[in-house]
N, C-alpha and C. Protein backbone atom coordinates (compact mmCIF):
# COMPACT_ATOMS: atom_id res chain seq x y z
N MET A 1 -12.21 15.78 13.27
CA MET A 1 -13.58 16.21 13.10
C MET A 1 -14.52 15.20 13.76
N ASP A 2 -14.77 14.05 13.15
CA ASP A 2 -15.67 13.07 13.73
C ASP A 2 -14.90 12.00 14.49
N SER A 3 -13.73 12.33 15.01
CA SER A 3 -12.85 11.32 15.59
C SER A 3 -13.50 10.58 16.76
N GLU A 4 -14.37 11.25 17.52
CA GLU A 4 -15.00 10.56 18.66
C GLU A 4 -15.97 9.49 18.20
N ARG A 5 -16.41 9.53 16.94
CA ARG A 5 -17.35 8.52 16.44
C ARG A 5 -16.65 7.41 15.67
N ARG A 6 -15.39 7.57 15.38
CA ARG A 6 -14.67 6.56 14.61
C ARG A 6 -14.45 5.32 15.44
N ARG A 7 -14.67 4.18 14.80
CA ARG A 7 -14.50 2.90 15.48
C ARG A 7 -13.10 2.33 15.29
N ALA A 8 -12.35 2.85 14.32
CA ALA A 8 -11.04 2.29 14.01
C ALA A 8 -10.07 3.44 13.72
N PRO A 9 -8.79 3.25 14.05
CA PRO A 9 -7.81 4.30 13.75
C PRO A 9 -7.65 4.49 12.24
N ARG A 10 -7.39 5.72 11.85
CA ARG A 10 -7.12 6.03 10.45
C ARG A 10 -5.63 6.27 10.29
N TYR A 11 -5.14 5.91 9.12
CA TYR A 11 -3.73 6.05 8.82
C TYR A 11 -3.55 6.86 7.54
N PRO A 12 -2.53 7.71 7.48
CA PRO A 12 -2.26 8.42 6.23
C PRO A 12 -2.04 7.40 5.11
N PHE A 13 -2.71 7.61 4.00
CA PHE A 13 -2.66 6.64 2.90
C PHE A 13 -3.00 7.36 1.61
N ILE A 14 -2.02 7.51 0.73
CA ILE A 14 -2.23 8.21 -0.53
C ILE A 14 -2.34 7.17 -1.64
N ALA A 15 -3.47 7.16 -2.33
CA ALA A 15 -3.68 6.22 -3.43
C ALA A 15 -4.72 6.80 -4.38
N ASP A 16 -4.70 6.33 -5.61
CA ASP A 16 -5.70 6.74 -6.60
C ASP A 16 -7.02 6.06 -6.28
N ALA A 17 -8.11 6.80 -6.48
CA ALA A 17 -9.44 6.25 -6.21
C ALA A 17 -10.43 6.69 -7.28
N VAL A 18 -11.43 5.85 -7.48
CA VAL A 18 -12.57 6.18 -8.34
C VAL A 18 -13.81 5.99 -7.48
N VAL A 19 -14.69 6.98 -7.52
CA VAL A 19 -15.95 6.92 -6.77
C VAL A 19 -17.08 6.92 -7.79
N ILE A 20 -17.99 5.96 -7.63
CA ILE A 20 -19.15 5.90 -8.52
C ILE A 20 -20.39 6.10 -7.67
N GLU A 21 -21.16 7.15 -7.99
CA GLU A 21 -22.43 7.37 -7.30
C GLU A 21 -23.41 6.31 -7.77
N ILE A 22 -23.95 5.54 -6.84
CA ILE A 22 -24.81 4.40 -7.18
C ILE A 22 -26.06 4.87 -7.94
N SER A 23 -26.73 5.92 -7.47
CA SER A 23 -28.01 6.32 -8.07
C SER A 23 -27.87 6.86 -9.48
N SER A 24 -26.78 7.57 -9.77
CA SER A 24 -26.64 8.21 -11.08
C SER A 24 -25.59 7.56 -11.97
N ASP A 25 -24.81 6.62 -11.42
CA ASP A 25 -23.71 5.98 -12.12
C ASP A 25 -22.65 6.99 -12.55
N THR A 26 -22.57 8.12 -11.84
CA THR A 26 -21.57 9.13 -12.12
C THR A 26 -20.23 8.68 -11.56
N LYS A 27 -19.19 8.78 -12.40
CA LYS A 27 -17.85 8.37 -11.99
C LYS A 27 -17.02 9.61 -11.69
N LEU A 28 -16.38 9.61 -10.52
CA LEU A 28 -15.54 10.73 -10.09
C LEU A 28 -14.16 10.20 -9.73
N VAL A 29 -13.13 10.98 -10.05
CA VAL A 29 -11.76 10.60 -9.73
C VAL A 29 -11.34 11.33 -8.46
N ALA A 30 -10.64 10.61 -7.58
CA ALA A 30 -10.21 11.19 -6.31
C ALA A 30 -8.88 10.56 -5.90
N LYS A 31 -8.37 11.02 -4.77
CA LYS A 31 -7.20 10.41 -4.12
C LYS A 31 -7.57 10.22 -2.66
N THR A 32 -7.10 9.12 -2.09
CA THR A 32 -7.30 8.95 -0.66
C THR A 32 -6.26 9.77 0.08
N SER A 33 -6.61 10.23 1.27
CA SER A 33 -5.61 10.86 2.13
C SER A 33 -5.45 10.09 3.42
N ASP A 34 -6.47 9.32 3.80
CA ASP A 34 -6.33 8.41 4.92
C ASP A 34 -7.26 7.23 4.74
N LEU A 35 -6.98 6.17 5.52
CA LEU A 35 -7.69 4.91 5.35
C LEU A 35 -7.82 4.24 6.70
N SER A 36 -8.95 3.59 6.93
CA SER A 36 -9.13 2.75 8.11
C SER A 36 -9.86 1.49 7.67
N ILE A 37 -10.03 0.58 8.59
CA ILE A 37 -10.74 -0.65 8.30
C ILE A 37 -12.22 -0.36 8.01
N GLY A 38 -12.70 0.83 8.45
CA GLY A 38 -14.12 1.16 8.28
C GLY A 38 -14.44 2.23 7.28
N GLY A 39 -13.41 2.89 6.70
CA GLY A 39 -13.70 3.95 5.75
C GLY A 39 -12.45 4.68 5.30
N CYS A 40 -12.66 5.80 4.61
CA CYS A 40 -11.52 6.57 4.11
C CYS A 40 -11.96 8.02 3.89
N PHE A 41 -10.95 8.88 3.70
CA PHE A 41 -11.22 10.25 3.28
C PHE A 41 -10.72 10.38 1.86
N LEU A 42 -11.55 10.95 1.00
CA LEU A 42 -11.23 11.10 -0.41
C LEU A 42 -11.06 12.58 -0.74
N ASP A 43 -9.87 12.95 -1.21
CA ASP A 43 -9.60 14.32 -1.63
C ASP A 43 -10.21 14.53 -3.01
N MET A 44 -11.11 15.52 -3.11
CA MET A 44 -11.71 15.86 -4.39
C MET A 44 -12.34 17.25 -4.29
N LEU A 45 -12.36 17.98 -5.39
CA LEU A 45 -12.88 19.34 -5.36
C LEU A 45 -14.39 19.40 -5.21
N ASN A 46 -15.10 18.45 -5.82
CA ASN A 46 -16.56 18.48 -5.79
C ASN A 46 -17.11 17.20 -5.17
N PRO A 47 -17.08 17.11 -3.83
CA PRO A 47 -17.59 15.90 -3.19
C PRO A 47 -19.09 15.73 -3.40
N THR A 48 -19.54 14.50 -3.34
CA THR A 48 -20.96 14.22 -3.48
C THR A 48 -21.67 14.52 -2.16
N PRO A 49 -22.97 14.75 -2.18
CA PRO A 49 -23.68 15.13 -0.96
C PRO A 49 -23.62 14.06 0.14
N GLN A 50 -23.68 14.54 1.36
CA GLN A 50 -23.73 13.64 2.52
C GLN A 50 -24.90 12.67 2.35
N GLY A 51 -24.68 11.41 2.68
CA GLY A 51 -25.72 10.39 2.58
C GLY A 51 -25.73 9.65 1.25
N THR A 52 -24.97 10.12 0.26
CA THR A 52 -24.93 9.47 -1.04
C THR A 52 -24.30 8.08 -0.94
N GLN A 53 -24.96 7.11 -1.57
CA GLN A 53 -24.42 5.75 -1.65
C GLN A 53 -23.41 5.70 -2.79
N VAL A 54 -22.23 5.15 -2.53
CA VAL A 54 -21.17 5.13 -3.53
C VAL A 54 -20.49 3.77 -3.59
N ARG A 55 -19.83 3.52 -4.71
CA ARG A 55 -18.90 2.40 -4.83
C ARG A 55 -17.51 3.05 -4.91
N VAL A 56 -16.61 2.58 -4.07
CA VAL A 56 -15.25 3.14 -4.02
C VAL A 56 -14.28 2.10 -4.54
N ARG A 57 -13.40 2.52 -5.44
CA ARG A 57 -12.34 1.64 -5.93
C ARG A 57 -11.01 2.33 -5.69
N ILE A 58 -10.16 1.72 -4.88
CA ILE A 58 -8.86 2.30 -4.52
C ILE A 58 -7.77 1.41 -5.09
N SER A 59 -6.84 2.02 -5.82
CA SER A 59 -5.72 1.28 -6.41
C SER A 59 -4.43 1.71 -5.72
N HIS A 60 -3.68 0.71 -5.25
CA HIS A 60 -2.42 0.99 -4.55
C HIS A 60 -1.46 -0.16 -4.84
N GLU A 61 -0.27 0.21 -5.32
CA GLU A 61 0.74 -0.76 -5.71
C GLU A 61 0.12 -1.75 -6.69
N ASP A 62 0.12 -3.05 -6.38
CA ASP A 62 -0.39 -4.03 -7.34
C ASP A 62 -1.80 -4.51 -7.01
N ALA A 63 -2.51 -3.80 -6.16
CA ALA A 63 -3.83 -4.28 -5.72
C ALA A 63 -4.89 -3.20 -5.92
N THR A 64 -6.13 -3.67 -6.09
CA THR A 64 -7.28 -2.77 -6.16
C THR A 64 -8.33 -3.27 -5.18
N PHE A 65 -8.81 -2.35 -4.36
CA PHE A 65 -9.82 -2.63 -3.34
C PHE A 65 -11.12 -1.96 -3.77
N THR A 66 -12.23 -2.70 -3.68
CA THR A 66 -13.54 -2.16 -4.04
C THR A 66 -14.52 -2.43 -2.90
N ALA A 67 -15.33 -1.43 -2.58
CA ALA A 67 -16.35 -1.60 -1.53
C ALA A 67 -17.51 -0.65 -1.80
N LEU A 68 -18.66 -0.99 -1.26
CA LEU A 68 -19.78 -0.06 -1.24
C LEU A 68 -19.62 0.82 -0.02
N GLY A 69 -20.08 2.06 -0.12
CA GLY A 69 -19.95 2.98 1.00
C GLY A 69 -21.01 4.05 0.98
N LYS A 70 -20.91 4.91 1.98
CA LYS A 70 -21.84 6.02 2.13
C LYS A 70 -21.05 7.25 2.56
N VAL A 71 -21.36 8.38 1.94
CA VAL A 71 -20.71 9.64 2.30
C VAL A 71 -21.25 10.08 3.66
N VAL A 72 -20.36 10.20 4.66
CA VAL A 72 -20.80 10.56 6.00
C VAL A 72 -20.55 12.02 6.33
N PHE A 73 -19.60 12.64 5.66
CA PHE A 73 -19.42 14.09 5.80
C PHE A 73 -18.67 14.62 4.60
N ILE A 74 -18.87 15.91 4.33
CA ILE A 74 -18.12 16.56 3.25
C ILE A 74 -17.43 17.80 3.77
N LEU A 75 -16.31 18.12 3.15
CA LEU A 75 -15.62 19.38 3.36
C LEU A 75 -15.60 20.04 1.99
N PRO A 76 -16.45 21.07 1.78
CA PRO A 76 -16.56 21.68 0.45
C PRO A 76 -15.20 22.04 -0.13
N ASN A 77 -15.02 21.75 -1.40
CA ASN A 77 -13.79 22.01 -2.16
C ASN A 77 -12.57 21.26 -1.63
N MET A 78 -12.77 20.30 -0.73
CA MET A 78 -11.65 19.53 -0.18
C MET A 78 -11.83 18.03 -0.35
N GLY A 79 -13.02 17.53 -0.02
CA GLY A 79 -13.23 16.10 -0.13
C GLY A 79 -14.36 15.62 0.74
N MET A 80 -14.36 14.28 0.96
CA MET A 80 -15.47 13.69 1.72
C MET A 80 -15.00 12.45 2.47
N GLY A 81 -15.65 12.24 3.59
CA GLY A 81 -15.42 11.04 4.38
C GLY A 81 -16.43 9.98 3.99
N VAL A 82 -15.95 8.77 3.74
CA VAL A 82 -16.82 7.67 3.33
C VAL A 82 -16.67 6.53 4.33
N THR A 83 -17.79 5.99 4.76
CA THR A 83 -17.77 4.77 5.58
C THR A 83 -18.09 3.60 4.66
N PHE A 84 -17.34 2.51 4.82
CA PHE A 84 -17.61 1.32 4.01
C PHE A 84 -18.83 0.62 4.58
N THR A 85 -19.80 0.30 3.72
CA THR A 85 -21.02 -0.36 4.17
C THR A 85 -21.08 -1.82 3.78
N LYS A 86 -20.37 -2.20 2.71
CA LYS A 86 -20.33 -3.61 2.32
C LYS A 86 -18.99 -3.89 1.65
N ILE A 87 -18.28 -4.87 2.22
CA ILE A 87 -16.98 -5.27 1.69
C ILE A 87 -17.01 -6.78 1.49
N GLU A 88 -16.78 -7.21 0.26
CA GLU A 88 -16.72 -8.65 -0.01
C GLU A 88 -15.50 -9.24 0.70
N GLN A 89 -15.55 -10.53 0.97
CA GLN A 89 -14.50 -11.17 1.76
C GLN A 89 -13.11 -11.05 1.12
N ASP A 90 -13.02 -11.24 -0.20
CA ASP A 90 -11.71 -11.13 -0.85
C ASP A 90 -11.19 -9.69 -0.80
N GLN A 91 -12.10 -8.72 -0.83
CA GLN A 91 -11.72 -7.31 -0.73
C GLN A 91 -11.28 -6.96 0.69
N GLN A 92 -11.93 -7.57 1.68
CA GLN A 92 -11.57 -7.36 3.08
C GLN A 92 -10.11 -7.76 3.32
N ALA A 93 -9.66 -8.83 2.66
CA ALA A 93 -8.29 -9.30 2.82
C ALA A 93 -7.30 -8.25 2.30
N ILE A 94 -7.62 -7.60 1.18
CA ILE A 94 -6.75 -6.55 0.63
C ILE A 94 -6.67 -5.39 1.62
N LEU A 95 -7.83 -4.95 2.11
CA LEU A 95 -7.87 -3.83 3.05
C LEU A 95 -7.09 -4.17 4.32
N GLN A 96 -7.27 -5.36 4.86
CA GLN A 96 -6.58 -5.74 6.08
C GLN A 96 -5.06 -5.78 5.88
N LYS A 97 -4.62 -6.20 4.70
CA LYS A 97 -3.18 -6.22 4.41
C LYS A 97 -2.64 -4.79 4.40
N TRP A 98 -3.35 -3.88 3.73
CA TRP A 98 -2.90 -2.48 3.69
C TRP A 98 -2.83 -1.90 5.10
N ILE A 99 -3.89 -2.12 5.90
CA ILE A 99 -3.93 -1.58 7.26
C ILE A 99 -2.79 -2.17 8.10
N ALA A 100 -2.54 -3.46 7.95
CA ALA A 100 -1.45 -4.09 8.71
C ALA A 100 -0.11 -3.42 8.37
N ASN A 101 0.11 -3.13 7.09
CA ASN A 101 1.35 -2.46 6.70
C ASN A 101 1.42 -1.04 7.23
N LEU A 102 0.28 -0.34 7.26
CA LEU A 102 0.25 1.04 7.75
C LEU A 102 0.42 1.14 9.26
N SER A 103 -0.06 0.14 9.98
CA SER A 103 -0.05 0.22 11.45
C SER A 103 1.25 -0.33 12.06
N ARG A 104 2.13 -0.88 11.23
CA ARG A 104 3.41 -1.36 11.74
C ARG A 104 4.27 -0.21 12.20
N PRO A 105 4.94 -0.36 13.34
CA PRO A 105 5.86 0.69 13.76
C PRO A 105 7.04 0.76 12.81
N GLU A 106 7.54 1.95 12.59
CA GLU A 106 8.67 2.15 11.66
C GLU A 106 9.92 1.48 12.16
């Protein structure tokens, strides 16, 4: 869909996620379907509107990654694409480790 605008490759990545809408503090449960150094796609039936500021928490194996993000597109009844807007340094290390494992050739 928006592949020509993506700055980083995305990799298939299934993990549990929690999305919190910043303005309303609404908590939503989702699953990731792909991940990149700059964002992710979250599978969920009722995605939040495009432009919504969110906090994303992704749990995978023994680690949890948290970042601020923004909804950049939605697919009704399917999910939403989120770009990460602020990642703390310790969280960046978790994300980079996951991406390194995903981008390794089999």
